[in-house]
Amino acid sequence: MSRISLTVHPNDNVTTLLDFKTEDWLTQAGLALQETIAFGHKAALKPILQGQAIIKYGTPIGIATQDIPKGAHVHIHNCR
């Protein structure tokens, strides 16, 4: 069974994981996760280059501090 995630706006480049499962590394939308991602945390929907905006709900919420591959965890370790 795949993980539940929420993507609100068509311009979003991240999705938010909405379940507590950690053993499944595929979202219901078909995104292959690159690592275990906790409930409420974000995963990259496409590659995000260093310096690019992190877009959630159609709004910039941060800047990537390093290249983030598709399916990777997006959090304080790789954005500000």
N, C-alpha and C. Protein backbone atom coordinates (compact mmCIF):
# COMPACT_ATOMS: atom_id res chain seq x y z
N MET A 1 0.86 -1.19 0.00
CA MET A 1 0.00 0.00 0.00
C MET A 1 0.89 1.24 0.00
N SER A 2 0.52 2.25 -0.75
CA SER A 2 1.34 3.44 -0.90
C SER A 2 1.03 4.48 0.18
N ARG A 3 1.93 5.44 0.28
CA ARG A 3 1.80 6.52 1.26
C ARG A 3 0.86 7.60 0.77
N ILE A 4 0.21 8.27 1.70
CA ILE A 4 -0.70 9.37 1.39
C ILE A 4 0.09 10.67 1.44
N SER A 5 -0.05 11.47 0.39
CA SER A 5 0.62 12.77 0.38
C SER A 5 -0.34 13.83 -0.15
N LEU A 6 -0.03 15.08 0.15
CA LEU A 6 -0.89 16.19 -0.24
C LEU A 6 -0.09 17.20 -1.05
N THR A 7 -0.55 17.44 -2.26
CA THR A 7 -0.01 18.49 -3.11
C THR A 7 -1.18 19.39 -3.45
N VAL A 8 -1.09 20.68 -3.11
CA VAL A 8 -2.24 21.57 -3.20
C VAL A 8 -2.30 22.34 -4.52
N HIS A 9 -1.17 22.83 -4.97
CA HIS A 9 -1.15 23.76 -6.11
C HIS A 9 -0.35 23.15 -7.26
N PRO A 10 -0.73 23.38 -8.50
CA PRO A 10 0.02 22.81 -9.62
C PRO A 10 1.47 23.30 -9.72
N ASN A 11 1.79 24.44 -9.11
CA ASN A 11 3.18 24.94 -9.13
C ASN A 11 4.03 24.39 -7.99
N ASP A 12 3.44 23.63 -7.07
CA ASP A 12 4.20 23.08 -5.94
C ASP A 12 5.32 22.18 -6.44
N ASN A 13 6.50 22.29 -5.80
CA ASN A 13 7.57 21.35 -6.12
C ASN A 13 7.86 20.41 -4.95
N VAL A 14 6.99 20.46 -3.93
CA VAL A 14 7.05 19.52 -2.81
C VAL A 14 5.65 18.99 -2.52
N THR A 15 5.60 17.83 -1.90
CA THR A 15 4.35 17.25 -1.41
C THR A 15 4.55 16.93 0.06
N THR A 16 3.48 16.94 0.85
CA THR A 16 3.55 16.67 2.28
C THR A 16 3.02 15.28 2.57
N LEU A 17 3.79 14.48 3.31
CA LEU A 17 3.38 13.13 3.68
C LEU A 17 2.39 13.19 4.84
N LEU A 18 1.26 12.51 4.67
CA LEU A 18 0.16 12.62 5.63
C LEU A 18 -0.17 11.31 6.34
N ASP A 19 0.77 10.42 6.44
CA ASP A 19 0.54 9.19 7.19
C ASP A 19 1.78 8.87 8.02
N PHE A 20 1.63 7.91 8.90
CA PHE A 20 2.72 7.57 9.81
C PHE A 20 3.51 6.36 9.33
N LYS A 21 3.16 5.81 8.18
CA LYS A 21 3.90 4.66 7.66
C LYS A 21 5.29 5.10 7.22
N THR A 22 6.25 4.26 7.44
CA THR A 22 7.60 4.57 6.97
C THR A 22 8.16 3.46 6.10
N GLU A 23 7.47 2.32 6.05
CA GLU A 23 8.00 1.19 5.29
C GLU A 23 7.73 1.31 3.79
N ASP A 24 6.71 2.07 3.40
CA ASP A 24 6.40 2.23 1.98
C ASP A 24 7.13 3.45 1.43
N TRP A 25 7.78 3.26 0.30
CA TRP A 25 8.56 4.34 -0.29
C TRP A 25 7.98 4.80 -1.62
N LEU A 26 6.64 4.69 -1.74
CA LEU A 26 5.95 5.14 -2.94
C LEU A 26 4.68 5.85 -2.49
N THR A 27 4.41 7.03 -3.05
CA THR A 27 3.17 7.75 -2.71
C THR A 27 2.04 7.29 -3.61
N GLN A 28 0.83 7.62 -3.22
CA GLN A 28 -0.34 7.23 -4.02
C GLN A 28 -0.31 7.88 -5.39
N ALA A 29 0.43 8.97 -5.54
CA ALA A 29 0.56 9.65 -6.83
C ALA A 29 1.70 9.07 -7.67
N GLY A 30 2.39 8.06 -7.14
CA GLY A 30 3.46 7.41 -7.90
C GLY A 30 4.85 7.97 -7.69
N LEU A 31 5.03 8.88 -6.74
CA LEU A 31 6.35 9.44 -6.46
C LEU A 31 7.16 8.42 -5.66
N ALA A 32 8.32 8.03 -6.16
CA ALA A 32 9.21 7.12 -5.44
C ALA A 32 10.05 7.94 -4.46
N LEU A 33 9.89 7.67 -3.17
CA LEU A 33 10.65 8.37 -2.14
C LEU A 33 12.07 7.82 -2.10
N GLN A 34 13.03 8.69 -1.84
CA GLN A 34 14.44 8.29 -1.81
C GLN A 34 14.90 7.86 -0.41
N GLU A 35 14.05 8.11 0.60
CA GLU A 35 14.43 7.83 1.98
C GLU A 35 13.17 7.80 2.84
N THR A 36 13.31 7.41 4.09
CA THR A 36 12.19 7.43 5.02
C THR A 36 11.86 8.88 5.34
N ILE A 37 10.59 9.25 5.22
CA ILE A 37 10.16 10.62 5.48
C ILE A 37 9.00 10.57 6.48
N ALA A 38 9.11 11.33 7.55
CA ALA A 38 8.14 11.30 8.64
C ALA A 38 6.85 12.03 8.27
N PHE A 39 5.79 11.72 9.01
CA PHE A 39 4.49 12.38 8.89
C PHE A 39 4.68 13.90 8.93
N GLY A 40 4.02 14.60 8.01
CA GLY A 40 4.03 16.06 8.00
C GLY A 40 5.25 16.67 7.33
N HIS A 41 6.22 15.85 6.96
CA HIS A 41 7.41 16.38 6.29
C HIS A 41 7.20 16.35 4.78
N LYS A 42 8.08 17.05 4.06
CA LYS A 42 7.93 17.23 2.63
C LYS A 42 8.90 16.37 1.83
N ALA A 43 8.46 16.01 0.62
CA ALA A 43 9.31 15.33 -0.35
C ALA A 43 9.30 16.14 -1.64
N ALA A 44 10.43 16.14 -2.32
CA ALA A 44 10.54 16.87 -3.59
C ALA A 44 9.79 16.13 -4.69
N LEU A 45 8.92 16.85 -5.40
CA LEU A 45 8.17 16.28 -6.52
C LEU A 45 9.00 16.20 -7.79
N LYS A 46 10.04 17.02 -7.86
CA LYS A 46 10.95 17.05 -9.00
C LYS A 46 12.29 17.55 -8.47
N PRO A 47 13.35 17.42 -9.24
CA PRO A 47 14.63 17.94 -8.76
C PRO A 47 14.54 19.45 -8.49
N ILE A 48 15.10 19.85 -7.37
CA ILE A 48 15.15 21.27 -6.99
C ILE A 48 16.62 21.64 -6.88
N LEU A 49 17.05 22.60 -7.66
CA LEU A 49 18.45 23.01 -7.67
C LEU A 49 18.76 23.97 -6.54
N GLN A 50 20.01 23.95 -6.10
CA GLN A 50 20.45 24.89 -5.08
C GLN A 50 20.11 26.31 -5.50
N GLY A 51 19.50 27.06 -4.59
CA GLY A 51 19.11 28.44 -4.86
C GLY A 51 17.68 28.59 -5.35
N GLN A 52 17.05 27.50 -5.77
CA GLN A 52 15.66 27.58 -6.23
C GLN A 52 14.71 27.63 -5.03
N ALA A 53 13.55 28.22 -5.28
CA ALA A 53 12.52 28.33 -4.24
C ALA A 53 11.87 26.97 -3.99
N ILE A 54 11.55 26.71 -2.73
CA ILE A 54 10.72 25.58 -2.33
C ILE A 54 9.28 26.10 -2.38
N ILE A 55 8.43 25.49 -3.20
CA ILE A 55 7.07 25.98 -3.41
C ILE A 55 6.08 24.99 -2.78
N LYS A 56 5.28 25.50 -1.84
CA LYS A 56 4.22 24.72 -1.20
C LYS A 56 2.98 25.60 -1.16
N TYR A 57 1.81 25.05 -1.47
CA TYR A 57 0.56 25.81 -1.56
C TYR A 57 0.66 26.93 -2.58
N GLY A 58 1.54 26.76 -3.59
CA GLY A 58 1.70 27.77 -4.63
C GLY A 58 2.52 28.97 -4.20
N THR A 59 3.13 28.89 -3.01
CA THR A 59 3.87 30.02 -2.43
C THR A 59 5.27 29.59 -2.04
N PRO A 60 6.29 30.43 -2.28
CA PRO A 60 7.63 30.08 -1.83
C PRO A 60 7.69 30.02 -0.29
N ILE A 61 8.25 28.93 0.23
CA ILE A 61 8.37 28.80 1.69
C ILE A 61 9.83 28.70 2.11
N GLY A 62 10.74 28.70 1.17
CA GLY A 62 12.16 28.60 1.49
C GLY A 62 12.98 28.52 0.22
N ILE A 63 14.29 28.37 0.42
CA ILE A 63 15.25 28.28 -0.68
C ILE A 63 16.09 27.03 -0.45
N ALA A 64 16.32 26.27 -1.50
CA ALA A 64 17.17 25.08 -1.41
C ALA A 64 18.62 25.51 -1.17
N THR A 65 19.26 24.94 -0.15
CA THR A 65 20.65 25.25 0.15
C THR A 65 21.60 24.26 -0.53
N GLN A 66 21.03 23.26 -1.19
CA GLN A 66 21.80 22.29 -1.98
C GLN A 66 20.85 21.69 -3.00
N ASP A 67 21.38 20.98 -3.97
CA ASP A 67 20.52 20.28 -4.93
C ASP A 67 19.73 19.21 -4.19
N ILE A 68 18.44 19.12 -4.48
CA ILE A 68 17.56 18.14 -3.84
C ILE A 68 16.97 17.26 -4.94
N PRO A 69 17.27 15.96 -4.92
CA PRO A 69 16.74 15.09 -5.96
C PRO A 69 15.25 14.81 -5.79
N LYS A 70 14.60 14.44 -6.87
CA LYS A 70 13.20 14.05 -6.84
C LYS A 70 13.02 12.92 -5.83
N GLY A 71 12.00 13.05 -4.96
CA GLY A 71 11.70 12.03 -3.97
C GLY A 71 12.46 12.15 -2.67
N ALA A 72 13.36 13.13 -2.57
CA ALA A 72 14.16 13.31 -1.35
C ALA A 72 13.39 14.12 -0.30
N HIS A 73 13.78 13.94 0.94
CA HIS A 73 13.24 14.68 2.08
C HIS A 73 13.64 16.15 1.94
N VAL A 74 12.70 17.04 2.10
CA VAL A 74 12.96 18.48 2.05
C VAL A 74 12.68 19.01 3.46
N HIS A 75 13.73 19.49 4.12
CA HIS A 75 13.60 19.95 5.51
C HIS A 75 14.77 20.89 5.80
N ILE A 76 15.00 21.19 7.06
CA ILE A 76 15.99 22.19 7.44
C ILE A 76 17.42 21.82 7.07
N HIS A 77 17.69 20.56 6.77
CA HIS A 77 19.04 20.15 6.39
C HIS A 77 19.39 20.53 4.95
N ASN A 78 18.37 20.87 4.13
CA ASN A 78 18.66 21.22 2.74
C ASN A 78 17.89 22.44 2.23
N CYS A 79 17.29 23.19 3.14
CA CYS A 79 16.65 24.44 2.75
C CYS A 79 16.64 25.41 3.92
N ARG A 80 16.44 26.67 3.59
CA ARG A 80 16.34 27.70 4.64
C ARG A 80 15.16 28.58 4.36
